[in-house]
N, C-alpha and C. Protein backbone atom coordinates (compact mmCIF):
# COMPACT_ATOMS: atom_id res chain seq x y z
N MET A 1 69.55 110.90 96.88
CA MET A 1 70.15 110.78 98.21
C MET A 1 70.62 109.34 98.55
N LEU A 2 71.35 108.95 98.84
CA LEU A 2 71.82 107.77 99.57
C LEU A 2 70.86 107.71 100.81
N LEU A 3 71.09 106.21 101.70
CA LEU A 3 70.14 105.96 102.63
C LEU A 3 71.72 105.44 103.59
N SER A 4 70.97 106.04 104.99
CA SER A 4 72.60 105.37 105.77
C SER A 4 72.43 104.20 106.05
N GLN A 5 70.59 103.82 106.40
CA GLN A 5 70.63 102.08 106.69
C GLN A 5 69.67 101.56 105.96
N HIS A 6 69.48 100.13 106.31
CA HIS A 6 68.60 99.30 105.72
C HIS A 6 67.83 99.14 106.32
N THR A 7 67.95 98.12 108.03
CA THR A 7 67.87 98.27 108.54
C THR A 7 68.20 98.86 109.75
N PRO A 8 67.14 100.03 110.80
CA PRO A 8 67.78 100.32 111.91
C PRO A 8 68.04 99.27 113.19
N ASP A 9 69.22 99.82 113.84
CA ASP A 9 69.50 99.25 115.13
C ASP A 9 70.43 97.98 114.87
N LEU A 10 70.70 97.70 113.60
CA LEU A 10 72.02 96.28 113.44
C LEU A 10 72.92 97.13 112.57
N ILE A 11 74.35 96.93 113.19
CA ILE A 11 75.62 96.95 112.93
C ILE A 11 75.58 96.20 111.27
N GLU A 12 75.42 97.54 110.33
CA GLU A 12 75.35 97.06 109.06
C GLU A 12 76.82 97.52 108.52
N CYS A 13 77.37 96.25 107.26
CA CYS A 13 78.48 96.33 106.84
C CYS A 13 78.16 96.20 105.13
N GLY A 14 78.36 97.37 104.78
CA GLY A 14 78.06 98.11 102.98
C GLY A 14 79.46 96.96 102.64
N CYS A 15 79.08 95.97 101.37
CA CYS A 15 80.47 95.32 100.42
C CYS A 15 80.32 95.86 99.17
N ASP A 16 81.77 95.72 98.91
CA ASP A 16 81.29 95.99 96.97
C ASP A 16 82.94 95.54 96.27
N GLU A 17 82.74 95.21 94.70
CA GLU A 17 84.11 95.23 94.68
C GLU A 17 84.73 96.11 92.90
N ALA A 18 85.55 96.02 92.90
CA ALA A 18 86.04 96.52 92.05
C ALA A 18 87.02 95.86 90.89
N GLY A 19 86.96 95.81 89.66
CA GLY A 19 87.69 95.25 88.78
C GLY A 19 87.08 93.53 88.29
N ARG A 20 86.00 93.43 88.22
CA ARG A 20 85.72 92.44 87.21
C ARG A 20 85.83 92.37 86.41
N GLY A 21 85.36 93.31 85.35
CA GLY A 21 85.66 93.35 84.10
C GLY A 21 87.11 93.47 83.49
N CYS A 22 88.16 93.58 84.15
CA CYS A 22 89.29 93.55 84.04
C CYS A 22 89.66 92.44 83.23
N LEU A 23 91.27 92.69 82.49
CA LEU A 23 91.54 91.53 81.75
C LEU A 23 93.01 91.10 82.58
N ALA A 24 93.37 91.72 83.22
CA ALA A 24 94.42 91.78 84.25
C ALA A 24 94.40 92.12 85.66
N GLY A 25 95.15 91.50 86.67
CA GLY A 25 95.26 91.79 87.92
C GLY A 25 93.87 90.89 88.78
N ALA A 26 94.25 91.70 90.26
CA ALA A 26 93.54 90.96 91.06
C ALA A 26 91.86 91.50 91.00
N VAL A 27 91.25 91.16 91.40
CA VAL A 27 89.55 91.69 91.67
C VAL A 27 89.94 92.48 93.59
N TYR A 28 89.38 93.69 93.53
CA TYR A 28 89.39 93.88 94.99
C TYR A 28 87.75 93.86 95.61
N ALA A 29 87.99 94.13 96.86
CA ALA A 29 86.74 94.07 97.69
C ALA A 29 86.85 94.74 98.69
N ALA A 30 85.99 95.47 99.17
CA ALA A 30 85.82 96.12 100.37
C ALA A 30 84.94 96.05 101.40
N ALA A 31 85.01 96.12 102.56
CA ALA A 31 83.66 96.15 103.66
C ALA A 31 83.67 97.31 104.58
N VAL A 32 82.96 98.00 104.89
CA VAL A 32 82.99 99.44 105.35
C VAL A 32 81.83 99.11 106.17
N VAL A 33 81.81 99.50 107.50
CA VAL A 33 80.88 99.81 108.83
C VAL A 33 80.63 101.71 109.00
N LEU A 34 80.12 102.32 108.49
CA LEU A 34 79.78 103.37 109.02
C LEU A 34 78.63 103.95 110.30
N PRO A 35 78.87 104.68 110.92
CA PRO A 35 78.41 105.38 112.07
C PRO A 35 77.17 104.87 111.79
N LYS A 36 76.20 104.94 112.88
CA LYS A 36 74.84 104.91 112.54
C LYS A 36 74.31 106.46 112.39
N ASP A 37 73.38 106.79 111.62
CA ASP A 37 72.61 107.83 110.65
C ASP A 37 73.92 108.50 109.83
N TYR A 38 74.87 107.96 109.94
CA TYR A 38 75.96 108.93 109.17
C TYR A 38 75.40 109.41 108.16
N THR A 39 76.03 110.60 107.42
CA THR A 39 75.48 111.51 106.33
C THR A 39 76.96 112.25 105.67
N ASN A 40 77.02 111.79 104.52
CA ASN A 40 78.47 112.43 103.86
C ASN A 40 77.52 112.66 102.37
N HIS A 41 76.97 113.74 101.65
CA HIS A 41 76.54 113.89 100.79
C HIS A 41 77.40 114.31 99.44
N LYS A 42 78.40 113.90 99.46
CA LYS A 42 79.17 113.44 98.19
C LYS A 42 79.63 111.96 97.96
N LEU A 43 79.44 111.40 98.97
CA LEU A 43 78.98 109.72 98.74
C LEU A 43 78.56 109.36 97.87
N ASN A 44 78.37 108.91 96.93
CA ASN A 44 78.35 107.74 95.44
C ASN A 44 78.48 106.63 95.24
N ASP A 45 78.17 105.96 94.20
CA ASP A 45 78.76 105.21 93.31
C ASP A 45 80.31 105.22 92.92
N SER A 46 81.44 104.74 93.10
CA SER A 46 82.25 105.27 92.76
C SER A 46 82.84 105.21 91.22
N LYS A 47 81.45 104.67 89.92
CA LYS A 47 81.80 105.29 88.77
C LYS A 47 80.92 106.27 88.44
N GLN A 48 80.42 107.09 89.40
CA GLN A 48 79.51 108.41 89.02
C GLN A 48 80.85 109.68 89.86
N LEU A 49 81.79 109.19 90.08
CA LEU A 49 82.99 110.03 90.94
C LEU A 49 84.38 110.20 89.77
N THR A 50 84.84 111.65 89.89
CA THR A 50 86.04 111.46 89.40
C THR A 50 87.01 111.18 90.17
N GLU A 51 88.05 110.71 89.67
CA GLU A 51 89.47 110.07 90.26
C GLU A 51 89.53 110.81 91.62
N ARG A 52 89.80 112.22 91.33
CA ARG A 52 90.06 112.84 92.51
C ARG A 52 88.62 112.88 93.59
N GLN A 53 87.68 113.09 93.06
CA GLN A 53 86.60 112.73 93.79
C GLN A 53 86.63 111.43 95.16
N ARG A 54 87.25 110.43 94.25
CA ARG A 54 87.05 109.41 95.10
C ARG A 54 88.51 108.92 96.33
N TYR A 55 89.58 109.75 95.86
CA TYR A 55 90.75 110.14 96.30
C TYR A 55 90.13 110.59 98.16
N LEU A 56 89.79 111.75 97.45
CA LEU A 56 89.12 112.74 98.99
C LEU A 56 88.43 112.08 99.81
N LEU A 57 87.19 111.41 99.10
CA LEU A 57 86.27 109.86 99.72
C LEU A 57 86.74 109.34 100.52
N ARG A 58 88.09 108.69 99.87
CA ARG A 58 88.28 107.88 100.71
C ARG A 58 89.38 108.36 101.71
N ASP A 59 89.73 109.10 101.98
CA ASP A 59 90.36 110.00 103.38
C ASP A 59 89.17 109.96 104.26
N GLU A 60 87.94 110.64 103.56
CA GLU A 60 86.96 110.81 104.87
C GLU A 60 86.38 109.41 105.15
N ILE A 61 86.13 108.32 104.47
CA ILE A 61 85.59 107.14 104.89
C ILE A 61 86.31 106.71 106.06
N GLU A 62 88.07 106.26 105.52
CA GLU A 62 88.70 105.53 106.45
C GLU A 62 88.85 106.34 107.96
N ARG A 63 88.52 107.74 107.61
CA ARG A 63 88.87 108.62 109.01
C ARG A 63 87.06 108.48 109.71
N ASP A 64 86.53 108.47 109.26
CA ASP A 64 84.94 108.12 109.44
C ASP A 64 84.43 106.91 110.01
N ALA A 65 84.65 105.97 109.26
CA ALA A 65 84.00 104.54 109.39
C ALA A 65 84.30 104.13 111.24
N VAL A 66 83.65 103.35 111.25
CA VAL A 66 83.51 102.70 112.63
C VAL A 66 84.49 101.05 112.57
N ALA A 67 84.74 100.73 111.00
CA ALA A 67 85.70 99.59 110.55
C ALA A 67 85.61 99.53 109.01
N TRP A 68 87.11 99.93 108.75
CA TRP A 68 86.63 99.06 107.44
C TRP A 68 88.04 98.13 106.91
N ALA A 69 87.73 97.26 105.61
CA ALA A 69 88.80 96.69 105.40
C ALA A 69 88.57 96.57 103.78
N VAL A 70 89.95 96.04 103.06
CA VAL A 70 90.12 95.81 101.83
C VAL A 70 90.75 94.54 101.38
N SER A 71 90.09 93.55 100.49
CA SER A 71 90.83 92.47 100.56
C SER A 71 90.95 92.21 98.75
N SER A 72 91.70 90.97 98.30
CA SER A 72 91.74 91.13 96.81
C SER A 72 92.30 89.60 96.85
N VAL A 73 91.90 89.23 95.49
CA VAL A 73 92.00 87.63 95.46
C VAL A 73 92.55 87.78 93.71
N SER A 74 93.60 86.99 93.67
CA SER A 74 94.95 87.07 92.33
C SER A 74 94.20 86.67 91.46
N ALA A 75 94.55 87.21 90.03
CA ALA A 75 94.47 86.91 88.50
C ALA A 75 94.43 84.97 89.21
N GLU A 76 95.26 84.52 89.22
CA GLU A 76 95.36 82.81 89.13
C GLU A 76 94.23 82.41 89.99
N GLU A 77 94.00 83.20 91.34
CA GLU A 77 93.07 82.36 91.79
C GLU A 77 91.39 82.90 90.70
N ILE A 78 91.22 83.76 90.22
CA ILE A 78 90.10 84.12 89.20
C ILE A 78 90.52 83.05 88.35
N ASP A 79 91.26 82.82 87.60
CA ASP A 79 91.20 81.78 86.74
C ASP A 79 91.33 80.38 86.97
N HIS A 80 91.69 80.29 88.53
CA HIS A 80 91.20 78.52 88.83
C HIS A 80 89.96 78.46 88.98
N THR A 81 88.65 79.62 89.91
CA THR A 81 87.44 79.42 90.28
C THR A 81 86.60 79.53 89.02
N ASN A 82 86.40 80.90 89.00
CA ASN A 82 85.81 82.08 87.98
C ASN A 82 85.55 83.78 88.62
N ILE A 83 85.31 84.39 88.24
CA ILE A 83 85.47 85.87 88.24
C ILE A 83 84.09 86.44 89.78
N LEU A 84 83.32 85.53 89.65
CA LEU A 84 82.10 85.95 90.08
C LEU A 84 82.41 85.07 91.80
N ARG A 85 83.19 83.82 91.77
CA ARG A 85 83.15 83.52 93.13
C ARG A 85 84.51 84.40 93.63
N ALA A 86 85.57 84.42 92.23
CA ALA A 86 86.69 85.05 93.04
C ALA A 86 86.05 86.24 93.42
N ALA A 87 85.32 87.24 93.32
CA ALA A 87 85.07 88.80 93.31
C ALA A 87 83.89 88.48 95.12
N ILE A 88 83.17 87.33 95.52
CA ILE A 88 82.79 87.51 96.00
C ILE A 88 83.35 86.86 97.19
N HIS A 89 84.39 85.88 96.70
CA HIS A 89 85.08 85.31 97.94
C HIS A 89 86.20 86.68 98.78
N ALA A 90 86.59 87.68 97.55
CA ALA A 90 87.21 89.04 98.20
C ALA A 90 86.19 89.73 99.22
N MET A 91 85.14 89.62 98.60
CA MET A 91 84.15 90.43 99.91
C MET A 91 84.01 89.38 101.78
N ASN A 92 84.06 88.38 101.19
CA ASN A 92 84.51 87.79 102.48
C ASN A 92 85.16 87.96 103.29
N LEU A 93 86.83 88.00 102.29
CA LEU A 93 87.93 88.15 103.10
C LEU A 93 87.79 89.74 103.76
N ALA A 94 87.21 90.59 103.28
CA ALA A 94 87.38 91.85 103.72
C ALA A 94 86.14 91.79 105.07
N VAL A 95 85.47 91.14 104.78
CA VAL A 95 84.46 91.41 106.00
C VAL A 95 85.18 90.51 107.32
N ALA A 96 85.93 89.41 107.12
CA ALA A 96 86.46 88.95 107.91
C ALA A 96 87.54 89.38 108.68
N LYS A 97 88.08 90.48 107.90
CA LYS A 97 89.44 91.30 108.72
C LYS A 97 89.20 92.21 109.03
N LEU A 98 87.50 92.55 109.49
CA LEU A 98 86.74 93.99 110.54
C LEU A 98 86.73 93.87 111.68
N THR A 99 87.52 94.97 112.15
CA THR A 99 87.61 95.09 113.26
C THR A 99 86.06 94.69 114.27
N VAL A 100 85.56 94.80 113.81
CA VAL A 100 83.92 95.24 114.30
C VAL A 100 83.25 93.98 113.46
N THR A 101 82.70 93.25 114.16
CA THR A 101 81.39 92.12 113.64
C THR A 101 80.16 92.41 113.23
N PRO A 102 79.68 92.79 111.94
CA PRO A 102 78.63 93.96 111.53
C PRO A 102 77.36 92.46 111.80
N GLU A 103 76.25 92.85 111.81
CA GLU A 103 75.04 92.09 112.17
C GLU A 103 74.18 91.79 111.09
N LEU A 104 74.44 92.55 110.10
CA LEU A 104 74.01 92.79 108.94
C LEU A 104 75.09 92.94 107.02
N LEU A 105 74.99 92.28 106.48
CA LEU A 105 75.67 92.28 105.22
C LEU A 105 74.46 93.36 104.20
N LEU A 106 75.30 94.11 103.69
CA LEU A 106 74.37 94.69 102.80
C LEU A 106 75.60 94.58 101.16
N ILE A 107 75.09 93.77 100.34
CA ILE A 107 76.07 93.25 99.22
C ILE A 107 75.43 93.51 97.87
N ASP A 108 76.53 94.84 97.60
CA ASP A 108 76.21 95.15 95.77
C ASP A 108 76.51 93.97 94.88
N GLY A 109 74.93 94.03 93.88
CA GLY A 109 74.87 93.30 93.32
C GLY A 109 73.65 92.12 93.58
N ASN A 110 73.62 91.11 92.56
CA ASN A 110 72.31 89.85 93.22
C ASN A 110 72.77 88.35 93.20
N ARG A 111 74.21 88.50 93.65
CA ARG A 111 74.60 87.20 93.82
C ARG A 111 75.74 87.06 94.62
N PHE A 112 75.32 86.07 96.13
CA PHE A 112 76.46 86.36 97.10
C PHE A 112 76.68 84.43 97.73
N TYR A 113 78.02 84.56 97.93
CA TYR A 113 77.85 83.06 98.35
C TYR A 113 78.67 83.39 100.08
N ASN A 114 77.66 83.05 100.88
CA ASN A 114 77.96 83.71 102.43
C ASN A 114 79.36 82.58 102.98
N GLU A 115 80.47 83.29 103.21
CA GLU A 115 81.19 81.88 104.10
C GLU A 115 81.23 82.55 105.68
N SER A 116 80.22 83.25 105.78
CA SER A 116 80.36 83.23 107.55
C SER A 116 78.48 83.39 108.29
N LEU A 117 78.07 83.61 109.49
CA LEU A 117 77.12 83.20 109.57
C LEU A 117 75.93 84.76 109.66
N ILE A 118 76.69 85.48 108.99
CA ILE A 118 76.21 86.75 109.16
C ILE A 118 74.94 86.81 108.45
N PRO A 119 73.60 87.47 108.32
CA PRO A 119 72.80 87.42 107.71
C PRO A 119 72.98 88.67 106.51
N TYR A 120 72.81 88.52 105.10
CA TYR A 120 72.68 89.23 104.01
C TYR A 120 71.97 89.69 103.08
N TYR A 121 71.56 90.66 102.50
CA TYR A 121 70.98 91.32 101.57
C TYR A 121 71.82 91.72 100.17
N THR A 122 71.29 90.88 99.24
CA THR A 122 71.79 91.43 97.80
C THR A 122 71.28 92.34 97.21
N ILE A 123 71.66 93.70 96.84
CA ILE A 123 71.07 94.67 96.46
C ILE A 123 71.71 95.17 94.94
N VAL A 124 70.60 94.99 93.77
CA VAL A 124 71.35 95.21 92.41
C VAL A 124 71.76 96.83 92.61
N LYS A 125 72.66 97.40 92.21
CA LYS A 125 73.08 98.81 92.29
C LYS A 125 72.98 99.48 93.32
N GLY A 126 72.88 98.73 94.63
CA GLY A 126 73.15 99.31 96.07
C GLY A 126 74.23 99.94 96.20
N ASP A 127 75.29 100.26 95.46
CA ASP A 127 76.30 101.15 95.65
C ASP A 127 76.05 102.95 94.98
N GLY A 128 74.46 102.59 94.66
CA GLY A 128 73.83 103.79 94.47
C GLY A 128 72.95 104.10 95.27
N LYS A 129 72.55 103.25 95.86
CA LYS A 129 70.76 103.42 96.80
C LYS A 129 71.75 103.33 98.71
N TYR A 130 72.73 102.99 99.13
CA TYR A 130 73.19 102.69 100.52
C TYR A 130 74.66 103.82 100.92
N MET A 131 74.77 104.12 101.67
CA MET A 131 76.24 104.82 101.91
C MET A 131 76.86 103.80 102.05
N SER A 132 76.96 102.96 103.14
CA SER A 132 78.19 102.00 103.58
C SER A 132 78.50 101.42 101.92
N ILE A 133 77.65 100.99 100.63
CA ILE A 133 77.77 100.19 99.89
C ILE A 133 78.53 101.02 98.96
N ALA A 134 78.30 102.59 98.97
CA ALA A 134 79.14 103.19 98.12
C ALA A 134 80.45 103.50 98.68
N ALA A 135 80.35 103.97 100.00
CA ALA A 135 81.96 103.80 100.60
C ALA A 135 82.70 102.21 100.30
N ALA A 136 82.37 101.53 100.41
CA ALA A 136 83.27 100.25 99.92
C ALA A 136 83.48 100.21 98.83
N SER A 137 82.71 100.95 97.70
CA SER A 137 82.96 100.74 95.87
C SER A 137 84.33 101.49 95.99
N ILE A 138 83.94 102.83 96.64
CA ILE A 138 85.38 104.01 96.72
C ILE A 138 86.63 103.21 96.83
N LEU A 139 86.31 102.79 98.10
CA LEU A 139 87.93 101.62 98.70
C LEU A 139 88.11 100.63 97.87
N ALA A 140 87.27 99.90 97.24
CA ALA A 140 87.84 99.03 96.40
C ALA A 140 88.37 99.18 95.18
N LYS A 141 87.62 100.47 94.28
CA LYS A 141 88.02 101.23 93.63
C LYS A 141 89.37 101.87 93.38
N THR A 142 89.80 102.75 94.73
CA THR A 142 90.54 103.58 95.05
C THR A 142 92.29 102.34 94.94
N TYR A 143 91.79 101.36 96.06
CA TYR A 143 92.87 100.25 96.64
C TYR A 143 93.44 99.42 95.01
N ARG A 144 92.44 99.34 94.00
CA ARG A 144 92.55 98.50 93.16
C ARG A 144 93.54 99.45 92.12
N ASP A 145 92.73 100.79 91.82
CA ASP A 145 94.05 101.74 90.87
C ASP A 145 95.17 101.73 91.37
N ASP A 146 95.56 101.64 92.85
CA ASP A 146 96.68 101.90 93.45
C ASP A 146 97.64 100.40 92.97
N TYR A 147 97.13 99.87 92.82
CA TYR A 147 97.72 98.60 92.94
C TYR A 147 97.96 98.46 91.69
N MET A 148 96.85 98.64 90.36
CA MET A 148 97.27 98.46 88.86
C MET A 148 98.43 99.67 88.42
N LEU A 149 98.56 100.70 89.24
CA LEU A 149 99.90 101.54 88.98
C LEU A 149 101.00 101.09 89.49
N GLN A 150 100.82 100.44 90.26
CA GLN A 150 102.35 99.73 90.58
C GLN A 150 102.45 98.66 89.99
N LEU A 151 101.59 97.68 88.98
CA LEU A 151 101.73 96.76 88.27
C LEU A 151 102.10 98.15 86.82
N HIS A 152 101.82 98.71 86.35
CA HIS A 152 102.37 99.40 85.48
C HIS A 152 103.44 99.97 85.50
N ASN A 153 104.31 100.06 86.85
CA ASN A 153 105.88 100.00 86.70
C ASN A 153 106.73 98.75 86.09
N GLN A 154 106.23 97.53 86.40
CA GLN A 154 106.48 96.70 85.77
C GLN A 154 106.63 96.30 84.32
N TYR A 155 105.02 96.66 84.05
CA TYR A 155 104.83 96.27 82.14
C TYR A 155 104.18 97.79 81.84
N PRO A 156 104.91 98.55 81.68
CA PRO A 156 104.29 100.15 80.91
C PRO A 156 103.90 99.73 80.15
N GLN A 157 103.80 98.62 78.83
CA GLN A 157 103.42 98.76 77.26
C GLN A 157 102.05 98.45 77.33
N TYR A 158 101.47 97.44 78.58
CA TYR A 158 100.20 97.73 78.60
C TYR A 158 99.59 99.01 78.90
N GLY A 159 100.01 100.18 79.40
CA GLY A 159 98.85 101.27 79.85
C GLY A 159 98.39 100.97 80.89
N TRP A 160 98.29 99.90 82.20
CA TRP A 160 97.79 100.25 82.89
C TRP A 160 97.37 101.61 83.73
N ASP A 161 98.31 102.44 83.61
CA ASP A 161 97.91 103.54 84.43
C ASP A 161 96.98 104.17 84.26
N GLY A 162 96.47 104.21 82.31
CA GLY A 162 95.46 104.50 82.07
C GLY A 162 94.25 103.90 82.49
N ASN A 163 94.59 102.27 81.72
CA ASN A 163 92.96 101.64 81.81
C ASN A 163 92.94 100.71 82.83
N LYS A 164 93.51 100.49 83.79
CA LYS A 164 93.71 99.87 85.11
C LYS A 164 93.56 98.21 84.37
N GLY A 165 93.66 97.86 83.66
CA GLY A 165 93.51 96.45 83.55
C GLY A 165 92.54 96.23 82.68
N TYR A 166 91.89 97.37 82.46
CA TYR A 166 90.19 97.05 81.67
C TYR A 166 90.58 97.08 79.81
N PRO A 167 89.23 96.07 79.55
CA PRO A 167 89.84 95.93 77.70
C PRO A 167 89.19 97.23 76.80
N THR A 168 90.70 97.55 76.75
CA THR A 168 90.48 99.18 75.65
C THR A 168 91.60 98.84 74.57
N ALA A 169 91.14 99.44 73.55
CA ALA A 169 91.64 98.99 72.26
C ALA A 169 93.24 99.06 72.42
N ALA A 170 93.78 99.95 73.26
CA ALA A 170 95.29 100.21 73.54
C ALA A 170 95.75 98.84 74.35
N HIS A 171 94.77 98.24 75.22
CA HIS A 171 95.26 96.92 75.85
C HIS A 171 95.79 96.11 75.35
N TYR A 172 94.32 95.81 74.10
CA TYR A 172 94.15 94.21 73.37
C TYR A 172 95.65 94.86 72.21
N ALA A 173 95.50 95.77 71.86
CA ALA A 173 96.74 96.29 70.83
C ALA A 173 98.08 95.56 71.77
N ALA A 174 98.41 96.06 72.68
CA ALA A 174 99.80 95.76 73.66
C ALA A 174 99.71 94.14 73.85
N LEU A 175 98.45 93.94 73.92
CA LEU A 175 98.55 92.16 73.89
C LEU A 175 99.04 91.27 72.82
N ALA A 176 98.41 92.23 71.63
CA ALA A 176 98.38 91.43 70.14
C ALA A 176 100.40 91.75 70.06
N GLN A 177 101.00 92.54 70.48
CA GLN A 177 102.10 92.93 70.43
C GLN A 177 103.44 92.57 71.42
N TYR A 178 102.66 92.12 72.80
CA TYR A 178 103.59 91.74 73.52
C TYR A 178 103.47 90.07 73.91
N GLY A 179 101.87 89.93 73.84
CA GLY A 179 101.43 88.51 74.56
C GLY A 179 100.90 89.11 75.96
N ALA A 180 100.49 87.55 76.58
CA ALA A 180 100.03 87.81 78.10
C ALA A 180 101.22 88.27 79.14
N THR A 181 100.97 88.75 80.06
CA THR A 181 101.60 88.75 81.11
C THR A 181 101.41 87.35 82.25
N PRO A 182 102.02 87.12 83.03
CA PRO A 182 102.06 85.95 84.52
C PRO A 182 100.52 86.92 85.26
N LEU A 183 100.17 88.02 85.19
CA LEU A 183 99.30 88.85 85.52
C LEU A 183 97.65 88.64 84.79
N HIS A 184 97.81 88.57 83.26
CA HIS A 184 96.89 88.14 82.86
C HIS A 184 95.77 87.26 83.61
N ARG A 185 94.27 87.53 83.05
CA ARG A 185 93.62 86.54 83.66
C ARG A 185 93.56 85.59 82.31
N THR A 186 94.06 84.81 81.93
CA THR A 186 94.03 83.88 80.87
C THR A 186 92.40 82.98 80.17
N THR A 187 91.46 82.78 81.68
CA THR A 187 89.95 82.34 81.01
C THR A 187 89.38 83.93 80.35
N PHE A 188 90.35 84.71 80.38
CA PHE A 188 89.17 85.56 80.08
C PHE A 188 89.72 85.92 78.12
N LYS A 189 88.90 86.55 77.69
CA LYS A 189 89.19 86.67 75.82
C LYS A 189 89.93 87.85 75.82
N LEU A 190 91.48 87.33 75.50
CA LEU A 190 92.41 88.70 75.45
C LEU A 190 92.54 88.86 74.29
N LYS A 191 91.96 88.38 73.29
CA LYS A 191 92.47 88.67 71.76
C LYS A 191 90.90 89.28 71.52
N ILE A 192 90.96 90.05 70.33
CA ILE A 192 90.07 90.78 70.21
C ILE A 192 89.44 89.55 69.10
N GLN A 193 88.01 89.28 69.15
CA GLN A 193 87.72 88.70 68.29
C GLN A 193 87.36 88.60 66.80
N SER A 194 87.78 88.41 65.68
CA SER A 194 87.28 88.84 64.31
C SER A 194 86.46 88.21 63.44
């Protein structure tokens, strides 16, 4: 069972990202402040849920959260900096958009560059430990999936409706046949190494 809070009596915000390992598209991040002592037994790391479960939970999170926000950083900026910095910047952008100022950030992972004065903890596999981080993982994942479905309409040959930009055999085959789009991350390995 996930924990509702890390530090009692603080306004906590869970942060997570989606799309770090993709070959194409923006990286997305979400920040979520849940009510104190919030419980939702269905909440879990987004990777442990079905697509249908994620979208149902997204509605619940958006309804129940004290505040939530989603932000993204483009493939172009990912190439300009690097994927880690871009993902962390997306988390900071999401935090900055919140309508409530958190007193503590709970960051999924082991690295963070703080762009605010809000104290934070990095928590490895935090999306499987804390509800607010799990909620952020679900929002980041579903909003990124929506974005990739829209991009699929522009570039259907890459199968983004299925692979969401992740490296699959079909995605590599499309790259070999059609080349890269302006949405591909040029600093990533876009060809299968032989």
